[in-house]
Amino acid sequence: MTRSRWLAAALCLASVAGEAAPRGASKTIAPPARFDGWVGVEPRRWPQDPLAPAKADAPPGPDAATCRDELARAGVEAVSADPPPAAIAACAIVEPVRLRAASTAQGTVRIAGEPLVACAFAARFGAYLREIAAPLAAGGAGAALAAVEAGGGYECRPRNRVAVAKISAHGQGLALDVAAFRLADGRRIAVVGAT
C-alpha cells in the first residue's frame, strides 16, 4: 500500500470510535446489568423514535447565535444559511450553516463545496479536522492538510438511497461526504478506492 493510500485509509478510519476485535474474534455484547422494562418487553423498539420531533418538555438547545459563536471560538468558519424545504418532516436541519474552513495547528483547512450542514455537526467536523485529519496528514504525508473536497452535506434521502431504509444522517445535516484530501504540497489523496 502506498503512503498516500495508507494516509487516506487512516484519515477515513480515524474517526471510528472503539477498539477493533482481534482478527477472527467476534465481539460479544454482555446483557445489561439491570432490567429496563422497555428492553425486556420489546427489545427492538426504541423508547422514543430518534427521528420524532422533540417533546415540549425537552430542554431547549443552544440558539443559532450561540452555536455560531462556539464555531468562531473553535476556529471553524461557517455562515448561516436558510433551511431548505424538507420533503418529509424527518428531514429537518437544525441551525443550517455553510461550512467553509477550519483552523488547525498546521494552518487553515478549506472545505471545498461549502456543504450545508447542521451547526452542531460543523463543530464536530472542525474538531475532526483539527484533532485527527490535519495531524495525520502532517505526520503521515509530511505536508499540511490544505483542503477537503466535500461532496454532499444536507440531502433529504434514505440511507444508501434505499427507498425503504431509515432517513440518512444527511437528511438532518449530520453527515458529510469526503471525496479527497488536498495537501499543501499539491498532492491529492482520494478517499474512493483507498485500500
N, C-alpha and C. Protein backbone atom coordinates (compact mmCIF):
# COMPACT_ATOMS: atom_id res chain seq x y z
N MET A 1 0.86 -1.17 0.00
CA MET A 1 0.00 0.00 0.00
C MET A 1 0.91 1.23 0.00
N THR A 2 0.64 2.14 -0.88
CA THR A 2 1.45 3.35 -0.94
C THR A 2 1.16 4.23 0.26
N ARG A 3 2.08 5.14 0.53
CA ARG A 3 1.93 6.03 1.68
C ARG A 3 0.67 6.88 1.57
N SER A 4 0.36 7.38 0.36
CA SER A 4 -0.83 8.23 0.22
C SER A 4 -2.10 7.41 0.42
N ARG A 5 -2.13 6.16 -0.06
CA ARG A 5 -3.30 5.32 0.15
C ARG A 5 -3.45 4.99 1.63
N TRP A 6 -2.31 4.75 2.31
CA TRP A 6 -2.36 4.48 3.74
C TRP A 6 -2.93 5.68 4.47
N LEU A 7 -2.49 6.87 4.11
CA LEU A 7 -2.97 8.07 4.78
C LEU A 7 -4.46 8.27 4.55
N ALA A 8 -4.92 8.03 3.32
CA ALA A 8 -6.35 8.16 3.03
C ALA A 8 -7.15 7.19 3.88
N ALA A 9 -6.67 5.95 3.98
CA ALA A 9 -7.37 4.96 4.78
C ALA A 9 -7.36 5.37 6.25
N ALA A 10 -6.22 5.87 6.73
CA ALA A 10 -6.12 6.29 8.13
C ALA A 10 -7.04 7.46 8.42
N LEU A 11 -7.11 8.42 7.50
CA LEU A 11 -7.98 9.58 7.71
C LEU A 11 -9.44 9.16 7.73
N CYS A 12 -9.81 8.18 6.91
CA CYS A 12 -11.20 7.72 6.87
C CYS A 12 -11.55 6.95 8.12
N LEU A 13 -10.62 6.16 8.60
CA LEU A 13 -10.92 5.28 9.73
C LEU A 13 -10.66 5.91 11.08
N ALA A 14 -9.96 7.03 11.11
CA ALA A 14 -9.55 7.62 12.38
C ALA A 14 -10.72 8.06 13.24
N SER A 15 -11.83 8.40 12.62
CA SER A 15 -12.95 8.91 13.40
C SER A 15 -13.84 7.80 13.95
N VAL A 16 -13.54 6.54 13.62
CA VAL A 16 -14.34 5.44 14.12
C VAL A 16 -13.92 5.16 15.57
N ALA A 17 -14.87 5.21 16.46
CA ALA A 17 -14.55 5.02 17.88
C ALA A 17 -14.52 3.55 18.24
N GLY A 18 -13.78 3.25 19.29
CA GLY A 18 -13.75 1.89 19.82
C GLY A 18 -12.60 1.09 19.27
N GLU A 19 -12.32 -0.02 19.95
CA GLU A 19 -11.24 -0.90 19.52
C GLU A 19 -11.78 -1.97 18.60
N ALA A 20 -10.98 -2.36 17.64
CA ALA A 20 -11.37 -3.44 16.74
C ALA A 20 -11.09 -4.76 17.44
N ALA A 21 -11.92 -5.73 17.21
CA ALA A 21 -11.69 -7.05 17.77
C ALA A 21 -10.53 -7.70 17.04
N PRO A 22 -9.76 -8.56 17.72
CA PRO A 22 -8.67 -9.26 17.03
C PRO A 22 -9.21 -10.06 15.86
N ARG A 23 -8.36 -10.25 14.85
CA ARG A 23 -8.78 -10.97 13.64
C ARG A 23 -9.32 -12.34 14.02
N GLY A 24 -10.46 -12.67 13.46
CA GLY A 24 -11.08 -13.96 13.73
C GLY A 24 -11.96 -13.97 14.97
N ALA A 25 -11.81 -12.97 15.85
CA ALA A 25 -12.61 -12.93 17.06
C ALA A 25 -13.85 -12.10 16.81
N SER A 26 -14.91 -12.44 17.45
CA SER A 26 -16.12 -11.63 17.31
C SER A 26 -16.40 -10.96 18.64
N LYS A 27 -16.96 -9.76 18.56
CA LYS A 27 -17.31 -9.05 19.78
C LYS A 27 -18.60 -9.63 20.32
N THR A 28 -18.65 -9.83 21.62
CA THR A 28 -19.88 -10.27 22.24
C THR A 28 -20.39 -9.14 23.09
N ILE A 29 -21.68 -9.01 23.11
CA ILE A 29 -22.30 -7.95 23.88
C ILE A 29 -22.87 -8.57 25.14
N ALA A 30 -22.44 -8.07 26.28
CA ALA A 30 -22.93 -8.59 27.55
C ALA A 30 -24.35 -8.12 27.78
N PRO A 31 -25.16 -8.93 28.44
CA PRO A 31 -26.52 -8.48 28.75
C PRO A 31 -26.47 -7.31 29.73
N PRO A 32 -27.51 -6.48 29.74
CA PRO A 32 -27.49 -5.33 30.64
C PRO A 32 -27.43 -5.77 32.09
N ALA A 33 -26.76 -4.95 32.92
CA ALA A 33 -26.61 -5.27 34.34
C ALA A 33 -27.93 -5.11 35.08
N ARG A 34 -28.83 -4.30 34.55
CA ARG A 34 -30.11 -4.10 35.21
C ARG A 34 -31.23 -4.29 34.19
N PHE A 35 -32.41 -4.50 34.67
CA PHE A 35 -33.54 -4.70 33.78
C PHE A 35 -34.17 -3.37 33.40
N ASP A 36 -34.30 -3.14 32.13
CA ASP A 36 -35.05 -1.99 31.63
C ASP A 36 -36.33 -2.54 31.04
N GLY A 37 -37.46 -2.10 31.57
CA GLY A 37 -38.75 -2.63 31.14
C GLY A 37 -38.94 -2.61 29.63
N TRP A 38 -38.57 -1.52 28.99
CA TRP A 38 -38.81 -1.44 27.56
C TRP A 38 -37.91 -2.38 26.79
N VAL A 39 -36.70 -2.66 27.30
CA VAL A 39 -35.81 -3.59 26.62
C VAL A 39 -36.33 -5.02 26.78
N GLY A 40 -36.76 -5.36 28.01
CA GLY A 40 -37.24 -6.70 28.27
C GLY A 40 -38.53 -7.02 27.53
N VAL A 41 -39.37 -6.04 27.35
CA VAL A 41 -40.66 -6.28 26.70
C VAL A 41 -40.53 -6.23 25.19
N GLU A 42 -39.89 -5.20 24.69
CA GLU A 42 -39.76 -5.02 23.24
C GLU A 42 -38.31 -4.68 22.91
N PRO A 43 -37.45 -5.67 22.75
CA PRO A 43 -36.03 -5.40 22.57
C PRO A 43 -35.69 -4.66 21.28
N ARG A 44 -36.56 -4.64 20.30
CA ARG A 44 -36.24 -3.97 19.05
C ARG A 44 -36.87 -2.58 18.96
N ARG A 45 -37.43 -2.10 20.01
CA ARG A 45 -38.13 -0.83 19.99
C ARG A 45 -37.36 0.21 20.79
N TRP A 46 -37.16 1.37 20.22
CA TRP A 46 -36.55 2.49 20.93
C TRP A 46 -37.56 3.03 21.93
N PRO A 47 -37.10 3.56 23.07
CA PRO A 47 -38.04 4.17 23.99
C PRO A 47 -38.68 5.42 23.36
N GLN A 48 -37.98 6.05 22.45
CA GLN A 48 -38.53 7.19 21.72
C GLN A 48 -37.94 7.14 20.32
N ASP A 49 -38.75 7.39 19.32
CA ASP A 49 -38.28 7.39 17.94
C ASP A 49 -37.22 8.47 17.78
N PRO A 50 -35.98 8.13 17.37
CA PRO A 50 -34.93 9.14 17.25
C PRO A 50 -35.21 10.20 16.21
N LEU A 51 -36.13 9.94 15.29
CA LEU A 51 -36.44 10.93 14.28
C LEU A 51 -37.70 11.74 14.62
N ALA A 52 -38.32 11.42 15.74
CA ALA A 52 -39.53 12.15 16.14
C ALA A 52 -39.16 13.56 16.57
N PRO A 53 -40.06 14.52 16.40
CA PRO A 53 -39.78 15.87 16.87
C PRO A 53 -39.57 15.89 18.37
N ALA A 54 -38.79 16.83 18.85
CA ALA A 54 -38.52 16.94 20.27
C ALA A 54 -39.80 17.24 21.03
N LYS A 55 -39.91 16.69 22.24
CA LYS A 55 -41.08 16.94 23.06
C LYS A 55 -41.00 18.35 23.64
N ALA A 56 -42.14 18.88 23.98
CA ALA A 56 -42.20 20.25 24.50
C ALA A 56 -41.45 20.40 25.81
N ASP A 57 -41.37 19.32 26.63
CA ASP A 57 -40.70 19.43 27.91
C ASP A 57 -39.19 19.20 27.82
N ALA A 58 -38.67 18.95 26.63
CA ALA A 58 -37.23 18.76 26.45
C ALA A 58 -36.52 20.09 26.64
N PRO A 59 -35.32 20.08 27.23
CA PRO A 59 -34.60 21.34 27.42
C PRO A 59 -34.22 21.93 26.07
N PRO A 60 -34.33 23.23 25.92
CA PRO A 60 -34.01 23.85 24.64
C PRO A 60 -32.52 23.75 24.34
N GLY A 61 -32.19 23.59 23.06
CA GLY A 61 -30.79 23.56 22.65
C GLY A 61 -30.25 24.97 22.54
N PRO A 62 -28.96 25.13 22.29
CA PRO A 62 -28.41 26.47 22.15
C PRO A 62 -29.00 27.15 20.93
N ASP A 63 -29.20 28.44 21.03
CA ASP A 63 -29.75 29.13 19.88
C ASP A 63 -28.69 29.27 18.79
N ALA A 64 -29.12 29.69 17.61
CA ALA A 64 -28.23 29.75 16.45
C ALA A 64 -27.05 30.66 16.70
N ALA A 65 -27.27 31.80 17.36
CA ALA A 65 -26.17 32.73 17.63
C ALA A 65 -25.13 32.09 18.54
N THR A 66 -25.59 31.34 19.54
CA THR A 66 -24.66 30.67 20.45
C THR A 66 -23.82 29.64 19.70
N CYS A 67 -24.44 28.86 18.83
CA CYS A 67 -23.72 27.85 18.07
C CYS A 67 -22.68 28.51 17.17
N ARG A 68 -23.06 29.57 16.48
CA ARG A 68 -22.10 30.26 15.60
C ARG A 68 -20.95 30.86 16.40
N ASP A 69 -21.26 31.36 17.61
CA ASP A 69 -20.19 31.89 18.48
C ASP A 69 -19.23 30.78 18.87
N GLU A 70 -19.77 29.60 19.19
CA GLU A 70 -18.93 28.45 19.54
C GLU A 70 -18.06 28.04 18.35
N LEU A 71 -18.62 28.08 17.14
CA LEU A 71 -17.85 27.76 15.94
C LEU A 71 -16.69 28.74 15.79
N ALA A 72 -16.97 30.02 15.97
CA ALA A 72 -15.92 31.04 15.82
C ALA A 72 -14.82 30.82 16.85
N ARG A 73 -15.19 30.52 18.11
CA ARG A 73 -14.17 30.27 19.14
C ARG A 73 -13.34 29.04 18.82
N ALA A 74 -13.94 28.05 18.15
CA ALA A 74 -13.22 26.82 17.79
C ALA A 74 -12.43 26.96 16.50
N GLY A 75 -12.53 28.11 15.84
CA GLY A 75 -11.78 28.31 14.61
C GLY A 75 -12.44 27.70 13.39
N VAL A 76 -13.75 27.51 13.45
CA VAL A 76 -14.49 26.96 12.32
C VAL A 76 -15.21 28.10 11.61
N GLU A 77 -14.95 28.25 10.33
CA GLU A 77 -15.59 29.31 9.54
C GLU A 77 -16.83 28.73 8.87
N ALA A 78 -17.97 29.30 9.21
CA ALA A 78 -19.25 28.87 8.63
C ALA A 78 -20.18 30.07 8.61
N VAL A 79 -21.06 30.11 7.63
CA VAL A 79 -22.04 31.18 7.54
C VAL A 79 -23.44 30.60 7.63
N SER A 80 -24.33 31.35 8.25
CA SER A 80 -25.72 30.90 8.37
C SER A 80 -26.35 30.73 7.01
N ALA A 81 -27.26 29.80 6.93
CA ALA A 81 -27.97 29.53 5.68
C ALA A 81 -29.43 29.30 5.99
N ASP A 82 -30.27 29.51 5.01
CA ASP A 82 -31.70 29.24 5.17
C ASP A 82 -31.92 27.74 5.09
N PRO A 83 -32.81 27.23 5.95
CA PRO A 83 -33.09 25.79 5.85
C PRO A 83 -33.82 25.48 4.55
N PRO A 84 -33.39 24.45 3.86
CA PRO A 84 -34.09 24.08 2.62
C PRO A 84 -35.44 23.48 2.93
N PRO A 85 -36.37 23.54 1.99
CA PRO A 85 -37.68 22.91 2.25
C PRO A 85 -37.50 21.40 2.36
N ALA A 86 -38.09 20.82 3.38
CA ALA A 86 -37.95 19.37 3.60
C ALA A 86 -39.10 18.64 2.92
N ALA A 87 -38.76 17.58 2.20
CA ALA A 87 -39.77 16.78 1.52
C ALA A 87 -40.63 16.03 2.54
N ILE A 88 -40.01 15.64 3.66
CA ILE A 88 -40.75 14.96 4.73
C ILE A 88 -40.32 15.57 6.06
N ALA A 89 -41.13 15.39 7.09
CA ALA A 89 -40.88 16.02 8.38
C ALA A 89 -39.57 15.55 9.02
N ALA A 90 -39.17 14.32 8.77
CA ALA A 90 -37.94 13.79 9.39
C ALA A 90 -36.69 14.46 8.83
N CYS A 91 -36.81 15.14 7.71
CA CYS A 91 -35.66 15.81 7.09
C CYS A 91 -35.61 17.27 7.52
N ALA A 92 -35.45 17.49 8.78
CA ALA A 92 -35.35 18.86 9.29
C ALA A 92 -33.93 19.11 9.76
N ILE A 93 -33.30 20.16 9.26
CA ILE A 93 -31.94 20.50 9.64
C ILE A 93 -32.00 21.62 10.68
N VAL A 94 -31.31 21.43 11.79
CA VAL A 94 -31.31 22.40 12.89
C VAL A 94 -30.12 23.35 12.69
N GLU A 95 -30.41 24.64 12.68
CA GLU A 95 -29.38 25.68 12.57
C GLU A 95 -28.44 25.42 11.39
N PRO A 96 -28.95 25.47 10.15
CA PRO A 96 -28.09 25.17 9.00
C PRO A 96 -27.02 26.23 8.78
N VAL A 97 -25.83 25.76 8.42
CA VAL A 97 -24.71 26.63 8.09
C VAL A 97 -23.99 26.08 6.86
N ARG A 98 -23.31 26.96 6.15
CA ARG A 98 -22.42 26.54 5.05
C ARG A 98 -21.01 26.48 5.63
N LEU A 99 -20.43 25.30 5.60
CA LEU A 99 -19.12 25.06 6.19
C LEU A 99 -18.03 25.47 5.21
N ARG A 100 -17.16 26.41 5.62
CA ARG A 100 -16.14 26.95 4.72
C ARG A 100 -14.71 26.51 5.04
N ALA A 101 -14.33 26.54 6.32
CA ALA A 101 -12.94 26.25 6.67
C ALA A 101 -12.84 25.94 8.16
N ALA A 102 -11.69 25.39 8.54
CA ALA A 102 -11.39 25.13 9.95
C ALA A 102 -9.91 25.42 10.19
N SER A 103 -9.62 26.07 11.30
CA SER A 103 -8.23 26.35 11.67
C SER A 103 -7.65 25.16 12.41
N THR A 104 -6.41 24.83 12.07
CA THR A 104 -5.69 23.75 12.76
C THR A 104 -4.32 24.28 13.15
N ALA A 105 -3.56 23.50 13.90
CA ALA A 105 -2.21 23.90 14.28
C ALA A 105 -1.30 24.01 13.06
N GLN A 106 -1.64 23.31 11.98
CA GLN A 106 -0.83 23.34 10.77
C GLN A 106 -1.27 24.43 9.80
N GLY A 107 -2.40 25.07 10.04
CA GLY A 107 -2.90 26.12 9.15
C GLY A 107 -4.39 25.95 8.90
N THR A 108 -4.92 26.75 8.00
CA THR A 108 -6.35 26.70 7.70
C THR A 108 -6.63 25.62 6.67
N VAL A 109 -7.67 24.85 6.92
CA VAL A 109 -8.11 23.80 6.00
C VAL A 109 -9.42 24.27 5.38
N ARG A 110 -9.42 24.47 4.08
CA ARG A 110 -10.62 24.90 3.36
C ARG A 110 -11.50 23.69 3.08
N ILE A 111 -12.80 23.90 3.09
CA ILE A 111 -13.74 22.84 2.75
C ILE A 111 -14.37 23.21 1.42
N ALA A 112 -13.91 22.56 0.37
CA ALA A 112 -14.39 22.86 -0.98
C ALA A 112 -15.85 22.46 -1.09
N GLY A 113 -16.61 23.26 -1.77
CA GLY A 113 -18.03 22.98 -1.98
C GLY A 113 -18.93 23.63 -0.95
N GLU A 114 -18.36 24.09 0.17
CA GLU A 114 -19.12 24.72 1.24
C GLU A 114 -20.44 23.99 1.50
N PRO A 115 -20.36 22.74 1.97
CA PRO A 115 -21.57 21.94 2.16
C PRO A 115 -22.49 22.52 3.24
N LEU A 116 -23.77 22.27 3.07
CA LEU A 116 -24.78 22.69 4.03
C LEU A 116 -24.90 21.60 5.09
N VAL A 117 -24.66 21.97 6.35
CA VAL A 117 -24.73 21.03 7.46
C VAL A 117 -25.37 21.71 8.66
N ALA A 118 -25.74 20.92 9.67
CA ALA A 118 -26.24 21.47 10.93
C ALA A 118 -25.06 22.10 11.67
N CYS A 119 -25.34 23.17 12.39
CA CYS A 119 -24.28 23.88 13.11
C CYS A 119 -23.51 22.96 14.06
N ALA A 120 -24.22 22.11 14.78
CA ALA A 120 -23.56 21.20 15.71
C ALA A 120 -22.61 20.25 14.98
N PHE A 121 -23.00 19.81 13.78
CA PHE A 121 -22.12 18.93 13.00
C PHE A 121 -20.90 19.69 12.50
N ALA A 122 -21.06 20.96 12.15
CA ALA A 122 -19.93 21.78 11.71
C ALA A 122 -18.87 21.83 12.80
N ALA A 123 -19.30 21.95 14.06
CA ALA A 123 -18.34 21.96 15.18
C ALA A 123 -17.62 20.62 15.28
N ARG A 124 -18.35 19.52 15.13
CA ARG A 124 -17.73 18.18 15.20
C ARG A 124 -16.75 17.96 14.06
N PHE A 125 -17.13 18.38 12.85
CA PHE A 125 -16.25 18.17 11.70
C PHE A 125 -15.00 19.04 11.83
N GLY A 126 -15.16 20.25 12.34
CA GLY A 126 -14.00 21.11 12.60
C GLY A 126 -13.04 20.46 13.59
N ALA A 127 -13.59 19.85 14.65
CA ALA A 127 -12.76 19.15 15.63
C ALA A 127 -12.05 17.96 14.99
N TYR A 128 -12.74 17.23 14.12
CA TYR A 128 -12.13 16.10 13.41
C TYR A 128 -10.93 16.58 12.57
N LEU A 129 -11.12 17.69 11.84
CA LEU A 129 -10.02 18.21 11.03
C LEU A 129 -8.86 18.65 11.92
N ARG A 130 -9.16 19.35 13.00
CA ARG A 130 -8.13 19.91 13.88
C ARG A 130 -7.38 18.83 14.66
N GLU A 131 -8.11 17.85 15.17
CA GLU A 131 -7.52 16.88 16.09
C GLU A 131 -7.07 15.58 15.44
N ILE A 132 -7.62 15.24 14.28
CA ILE A 132 -7.29 13.95 13.67
C ILE A 132 -6.71 14.10 12.27
N ALA A 133 -7.46 14.68 11.35
CA ALA A 133 -7.05 14.69 9.94
C ALA A 133 -5.77 15.50 9.71
N ALA A 134 -5.72 16.73 10.22
CA ALA A 134 -4.54 17.58 9.97
C ALA A 134 -3.27 16.98 10.60
N PRO A 135 -3.31 16.53 11.86
CA PRO A 135 -2.09 15.90 12.41
C PRO A 135 -1.68 14.64 11.66
N LEU A 136 -2.66 13.81 11.22
CA LEU A 136 -2.31 12.61 10.45
C LEU A 136 -1.67 12.97 9.12
N ALA A 137 -2.19 13.99 8.47
CA ALA A 137 -1.60 14.41 7.19
C ALA A 137 -0.17 14.91 7.40
N ALA A 138 0.03 15.73 8.41
CA ALA A 138 1.36 16.27 8.67
C ALA A 138 2.35 15.16 9.04
N GLY A 139 1.91 14.23 9.89
CA GLY A 139 2.81 13.16 10.32
C GLY A 139 2.99 12.06 9.29
N GLY A 140 1.91 11.67 8.62
CA GLY A 140 1.97 10.55 7.68
C GLY A 140 2.44 10.92 6.30
N ALA A 141 2.08 12.11 5.83
CA ALA A 141 2.45 12.51 4.47
C ALA A 141 3.51 13.60 4.45
N GLY A 142 3.82 14.16 5.61
CA GLY A 142 4.86 15.17 5.68
C GLY A 142 4.45 16.50 5.08
N ALA A 143 3.16 16.77 4.97
CA ALA A 143 2.69 18.05 4.44
C ALA A 143 1.41 18.44 5.15
N ALA A 144 1.18 19.72 5.23
CA ALA A 144 -0.02 20.22 5.90
C ALA A 144 -1.26 19.91 5.06
N LEU A 145 -2.35 19.66 5.75
CA LEU A 145 -3.63 19.47 5.08
C LEU A 145 -4.14 20.85 4.69
N ALA A 146 -4.38 21.05 3.40
CA ALA A 146 -4.79 22.37 2.91
C ALA A 146 -6.28 22.46 2.63
N ALA A 147 -6.88 21.38 2.16
CA ALA A 147 -8.30 21.42 1.80
C ALA A 147 -8.91 20.04 1.85
N VAL A 148 -10.21 20.03 2.01
CA VAL A 148 -11.00 18.81 1.95
C VAL A 148 -12.01 19.00 0.83
N GLU A 149 -12.04 18.05 -0.09
CA GLU A 149 -13.05 18.08 -1.15
C GLU A 149 -14.29 17.38 -0.61
N ALA A 150 -15.31 18.17 -0.31
CA ALA A 150 -16.52 17.63 0.28
C ALA A 150 -17.61 17.52 -0.76
N GLY A 151 -18.30 16.42 -0.70
CA GLY A 151 -19.45 16.24 -1.57
C GLY A 151 -20.69 16.71 -0.85
N GLY A 152 -21.70 15.88 -0.85
CA GLY A 152 -22.96 16.27 -0.27
C GLY A 152 -22.94 16.41 1.22
N GLY A 153 -23.62 17.42 1.69
CA GLY A 153 -23.92 17.60 3.10
C GLY A 153 -25.39 17.23 3.27
N TYR A 154 -26.22 18.24 3.50
CA TYR A 154 -27.65 18.02 3.68
C TYR A 154 -28.29 17.51 2.40
N GLU A 155 -29.05 16.44 2.54
CA GLU A 155 -29.85 15.93 1.44
C GLU A 155 -30.93 15.04 2.04
N CYS A 156 -32.17 15.36 1.77
CA CYS A 156 -33.29 14.58 2.31
C CYS A 156 -33.40 13.29 1.50
N ARG A 157 -32.89 12.20 2.08
CA ARG A 157 -32.92 10.91 1.39
C ARG A 157 -32.77 9.78 2.39
N PRO A 158 -33.16 8.56 2.01
CA PRO A 158 -32.97 7.41 2.89
C PRO A 158 -31.50 6.95 2.85
N ARG A 159 -31.11 6.16 3.84
CA ARG A 159 -29.75 5.63 3.90
C ARG A 159 -29.43 4.85 2.63
N ASN A 160 -28.27 5.09 2.09
CA ASN A 160 -27.77 4.41 0.89
C ASN A 160 -28.75 4.50 -0.28
N ARG A 161 -29.64 5.46 -0.22
CA ARG A 161 -30.64 5.70 -1.27
C ARG A 161 -31.57 4.50 -1.49
N VAL A 162 -31.74 3.70 -0.44
CA VAL A 162 -32.65 2.56 -0.50
C VAL A 162 -34.02 3.05 -0.03
N ALA A 163 -35.02 2.93 -0.88
CA ALA A 163 -36.33 3.54 -0.63
C ALA A 163 -36.95 3.16 0.72
N VAL A 164 -36.76 1.94 1.18
CA VAL A 164 -37.41 1.50 2.42
C VAL A 164 -36.53 1.72 3.66
N ALA A 165 -35.35 2.28 3.50
CA ALA A 165 -34.43 2.47 4.62
C ALA A 165 -34.83 3.69 5.45
N LYS A 166 -34.23 3.78 6.64
CA LYS A 166 -34.45 4.94 7.51
C LYS A 166 -33.83 6.17 6.85
N ILE A 167 -34.20 7.34 7.33
CA ILE A 167 -33.65 8.58 6.81
C ILE A 167 -32.16 8.64 7.13
N SER A 168 -31.38 9.00 6.15
CA SER A 168 -29.93 9.14 6.31
C SER A 168 -29.61 10.31 7.23
N ALA A 169 -28.44 10.28 7.84
CA ALA A 169 -27.98 11.42 8.64
C ALA A 169 -27.84 12.66 7.77
N HIS A 170 -27.66 12.45 6.46
CA HIS A 170 -27.64 13.59 5.53
C HIS A 170 -28.95 14.36 5.58
N GLY A 171 -30.05 13.67 5.86
CA GLY A 171 -31.37 14.27 5.90
C GLY A 171 -31.57 15.22 7.06
N GLN A 172 -30.61 15.28 7.99
CA GLN A 172 -30.66 16.21 9.10
C GLN A 172 -29.42 17.09 9.14
N GLY A 173 -28.59 17.00 8.09
CA GLY A 173 -27.36 17.79 8.06
C GLY A 173 -26.30 17.28 9.01
N LEU A 174 -26.35 16.00 9.36
CA LEU A 174 -25.43 15.42 10.32
C LEU A 174 -24.42 14.49 9.67
N ALA A 175 -24.21 14.64 8.38
CA ALA A 175 -23.24 13.81 7.66
C ALA A 175 -22.65 14.62 6.52
N LEU A 176 -21.47 14.21 6.11
CA LEU A 176 -20.75 14.92 5.05
C LEU A 176 -19.93 13.90 4.29
N ASP A 177 -20.03 13.91 2.97
CA ASP A 177 -19.23 13.01 2.15
C ASP A 177 -17.91 13.68 1.83
N VAL A 178 -16.81 12.97 2.05
CA VAL A 178 -15.48 13.48 1.73
C VAL A 178 -14.94 12.70 0.55
N ALA A 179 -14.58 13.40 -0.52
CA ALA A 179 -14.06 12.76 -1.73
C ALA A 179 -12.55 12.66 -1.69
N ALA A 180 -11.88 13.70 -1.18
CA ALA A 180 -10.42 13.70 -1.19
C ALA A 180 -9.87 14.72 -0.20
N PHE A 181 -8.61 14.51 0.16
CA PHE A 181 -7.86 15.44 0.99
C PHE A 181 -6.76 16.05 0.12
N ARG A 182 -6.61 17.37 0.15
CA ARG A 182 -5.56 18.04 -0.62
C ARG A 182 -4.50 18.55 0.35
N LEU A 183 -3.24 18.26 0.03
CA LEU A 183 -2.13 18.68 0.87
C LEU A 183 -1.52 19.97 0.35
N ALA A 184 -0.80 20.67 1.22
CA ALA A 184 -0.22 21.96 0.86
C ALA A 184 0.80 21.83 -0.26
N ASP A 185 1.42 20.66 -0.43
CA ASP A 185 2.41 20.48 -1.49
C ASP A 185 1.77 20.10 -2.83
N GLY A 186 0.44 20.12 -2.90
CA GLY A 186 -0.27 19.85 -4.15
C GLY A 186 -0.77 18.43 -4.32
N ARG A 187 -0.35 17.53 -3.46
CA ARG A 187 -0.83 16.14 -3.58
C ARG A 187 -2.31 16.05 -3.22
N ARG A 188 -2.98 15.11 -3.86
CA ARG A 188 -4.40 14.86 -3.62
C ARG A 188 -4.54 13.40 -3.21
N ILE A 189 -5.17 13.17 -2.04
CA ILE A 189 -5.36 11.82 -1.55
C ILE A 189 -6.85 11.53 -1.66
N ALA A 190 -7.21 10.69 -2.62
CA ALA A 190 -8.62 10.35 -2.84
C ALA A 190 -9.08 9.33 -1.82
N VAL A 191 -10.31 9.48 -1.38
CA VAL A 191 -10.88 8.53 -0.44
C VAL A 191 -11.42 7.32 -1.19
N VAL A 192 -12.08 7.52 -2.30
CA VAL A 192 -12.64 6.41 -3.08
C VAL A 192 -11.49 5.57 -3.63
N GLY A 193 -11.59 4.28 -3.43
CA GLY A 193 -10.57 3.39 -3.95
C GLY A 193 -9.37 3.23 -3.04
N ALA A 194 -9.37 3.89 -1.88
CA ALA A 194 -8.24 3.76 -0.97
C ALA A 194 -8.35 2.43 -0.23
N THR A 195 -7.43 1.54 -0.52
CA THR A 195 -7.45 0.24 0.16
C THR A 195 -6.06 -0.10 0.65
